[in-house]
Amino acid sequence: MKKEEKLISKDMVIAELVEKYPDLAMVLVEDYGFHCIGCFASGMETLEQGAMVHGMGKEDIKVMIENLNELLMSEKNSGKSKTGN
């Protein structure tokens, strides 16, 4: 995936990500164990910080972000927007 196509980065605040792409909340909870997406820390923590708190390493974080971006791009390209875009 080209850099300019990425919609999500490791530096996005979790609450902002969930607000912009609400359907990703379930992906974060079910696939990555982010059960705290509604807690106060999600308004301050980046995706990378939250992942590290949940025990993910840098490579796992990179793969998660790639997967989230691929999900968004596939929805965008198919015209099916479950993520608010």
C-alpha atoms as a PDB file:
ATOM      1  CA  MET A   1       0.000   0.000   0.000  1.00  0.00           C
ATOM      2  CA  LYS A   2       1.364   3.410  -0.922  1.00  0.00           C
ATOM      3  CA  LYS A   3       2.074   5.802   1.912  1.00  0.00           C
ATOM      4  CA  GLU A   4      -0.379   8.429   0.650  1.00  0.00           C
ATOM      5  CA  GLU A   5      -3.204   5.864   0.681  1.00  0.00           C
ATOM      6  CA  LYS A   6      -2.897   5.212   4.407  1.00  0.00           C
ATOM      7  CA  LEU A   7      -5.849   6.492   6.361  1.00  0.00           C
ATOM      8  CA  ILE A   8      -4.653   5.246   9.732  1.00  0.00           C
ATOM      9  CA  SER A   9      -1.266   5.769  11.344  1.00  0.00           C
ATOM     10  CA  LYS A  10       0.323   4.693  14.612  1.00  0.00           C
ATOM     11  CA  ASP A  11       0.124   8.298  15.796  1.00  0.00           C
ATOM     12  CA  MET A  12      -3.680   8.592  15.596  1.00  0.00           C
ATOM     13  CA  VAL A  13      -5.437   9.046  18.928  1.00  0.00           C
ATOM     14  CA  ILE A  14      -7.626   5.997  19.547  1.00  0.00           C
ATOM     15  CA  ALA A  15     -10.790   8.006  20.288  1.00  0.00           C
ATOM     16  CA  GLU A  16     -10.357  10.033  17.088  1.00  0.00           C
ATOM     17  CA  LEU A  17      -9.850   6.863  15.057  1.00  0.00           C
ATOM     18  CA  VAL A  18     -13.033   5.315  16.476  1.00  0.00           C
ATOM     19  CA  GLU A  19     -14.980   8.541  15.933  1.00  0.00           C
ATOM     20  CA  LYS A  20     -13.856   8.782  12.309  1.00  0.00           C
ATOM     21  CA  TYR A  21     -14.204   5.043  11.566  1.00  0.00           C
ATOM     22  CA  PRO A  22     -16.791   3.684  14.055  1.00  0.00           C
ATOM     23  CA  ASP A  23     -16.938   0.180  12.579  1.00  0.00           C
ATOM     24  CA  LEU A  24     -13.254  -0.272  13.332  1.00  0.00           C
ATOM     25  CA  ALA A  25     -14.129  -0.234  17.035  1.00  0.00           C
ATOM     26  CA  MET A  26     -15.307  -3.841  16.816  1.00  0.00           C
ATOM     27  CA  VAL A  27     -12.221  -4.826  14.835  1.00  0.00           C
ATOM     28  CA  LEU A  28     -10.014  -3.273  17.509  1.00  0.00           C
ATOM     29  CA  VAL A  29     -11.930  -5.065  20.271  1.00  0.00           C
ATOM     30  CA  GLU A  30     -12.407  -8.469  18.647  1.00  0.00           C
ATOM     31  CA  ASP A  31      -9.185  -8.841  16.672  1.00  0.00           C
ATOM     32  CA  TYR A  32      -6.713  -6.872  18.780  1.00  0.00           C
ATOM     33  CA  GLY A  33      -8.093  -6.900  22.342  1.00  0.00           C
ATOM     34  CA  PHE A  34      -8.608  -3.138  22.634  1.00  0.00           C
ATOM     35  CA  HIS A  35     -11.415  -3.473  25.185  1.00  0.00           C
ATOM     36  CA  CYS A  36     -10.647  -0.006  26.516  1.00  0.00           C
ATOM     37  CA  ILE A  37     -11.658   1.975  23.421  1.00  0.00           C
ATOM     38  CA  GLY A  38     -14.249   3.818  25.492  1.00  0.00           C
ATOM     39  CA  CYS A  39     -12.069   4.510  28.525  1.00  0.00           C
ATOM     40  CA  PHE A  40     -10.624   7.918  29.360  1.00  0.00           C
ATOM     41  CA  ALA A  41      -7.153   6.939  28.134  1.00  0.00           C
ATOM     42  CA  SER A  42      -8.425   6.430  24.587  1.00  0.00           C
ATOM     43  CA  GLY A  43      -8.806  10.201  24.308  1.00  0.00           C
ATOM     44  CA  MET A  44      -5.103  10.679  24.979  1.00  0.00           C
ATOM     45  CA  GLU A  45      -3.379   7.511  23.795  1.00  0.00           C
ATOM     46  CA  THR A  46      -2.249   6.944  20.259  1.00  0.00           C
ATOM     47  CA  LEU A  47      -2.906   3.665  18.522  1.00  0.00           C
ATOM     48  CA  GLU A  48       0.742   2.737  19.033  1.00  0.00           C
ATOM     49  CA  GLN A  49       0.680   3.576  22.761  1.00  0.00           C
ATOM     50  CA  GLY A  50      -2.510   1.602  23.311  1.00  0.00           C
ATOM     51  CA  ALA A  51      -1.119  -1.371  21.430  1.00  0.00           C
ATOM     52  CA  MET A  52       2.075  -1.310  23.483  1.00  0.00           C
ATOM     53  CA  VAL A  53       0.041  -1.212  26.718  1.00  0.00           C
ATOM     54  CA  HIS A  54      -1.722  -4.340  25.453  1.00  0.00           C
ATOM     55  CA  GLY A  55       1.620  -6.088  24.939  1.00  0.00           C
ATOM     56  CA  MET A  56       2.031  -5.662  21.197  1.00  0.00           C
ATOM     57  CA  GLY A  57       5.499  -5.255  19.748  1.00  0.00           C
ATOM     58  CA  LYS A  58       6.469  -2.850  16.988  1.00  0.00           C
ATOM     59  CA  GLU A  59       6.100  -5.478  14.241  1.00  0.00           C
ATOM     60  CA  ASP A  60       2.648  -6.499  15.519  1.00  0.00           C
ATOM     61  CA  ILE A  61       1.631  -2.832  15.572  1.00  0.00           C
ATOM     62  CA  LYS A  62       2.850  -2.377  12.011  1.00  0.00           C
ATOM     63  CA  VAL A  63       0.833  -5.405  10.853  1.00  0.00           C
ATOM     64  CA  MET A  64      -2.279  -4.208  12.723  1.00  0.00           C
ATOM     65  CA  ILE A  65      -2.091  -0.770  11.097  1.00  0.00           C
ATOM     66  CA  GLU A  66      -1.583  -2.331   7.659  1.00  0.00           C
ATOM     67  CA  ASN A  67      -4.605  -4.577   8.239  1.00  0.00           C
ATOM     68  CA  LEU A  68      -6.790  -1.667   9.379  1.00  0.00           C
ATOM     69  CA  ASN A  69      -5.774   0.387   6.343  1.00  0.00           C
ATOM     70  CA  GLU A  70      -6.419  -2.545   4.001  1.00  0.00           C
ATOM     71  CA  LEU A  71      -9.882  -2.988   5.517  1.00  0.00           C
ATOM     72  CA  LEU A  72     -10.689   0.694   4.986  1.00  0.00           C
ATOM     73  CA  MET A  73      -9.329   0.698   1.432  1.00  0.00           C
ATOM     74  CA  SER A  74     -11.264  -2.438   0.471  1.00  0.00           C
ATOM     75  CA  GLU A  75     -14.482  -0.879   1.784  1.00  0.00           C
ATOM     76  CA  LYS A  76     -13.716   2.377  -0.017  1.00  0.00           C
ATOM     77  CA  ASN A  77     -12.969   0.590  -3.297  1.00  0.00           C
ATOM     78  CA  SER A  78     -16.054  -1.619  -3.079  1.00  0.00           C
ATOM     79  CA  GLY A  79     -18.308   1.332  -2.341  1.00  0.00           C
ATOM     80  CA  LYS A  80     -19.422  -0.284   0.899  1.00  0.00           C
ATOM     81  CA  SER A  81     -18.708   2.119   3.688  1.00  0.00           C
ATOM     82  CA  LYS A  82     -19.173   0.597   7.095  1.00  0.00           C
ATOM     83  CA  THR A  83     -16.590   2.915   8.586  1.00  0.00           C
ATOM     84  CA  GLY A  84     -18.296   6.246   8.187  1.00  0.00           C
ATOM     85  CA  ASN A  85     -16.623   7.276   4.918  1.00  0.00           C
END
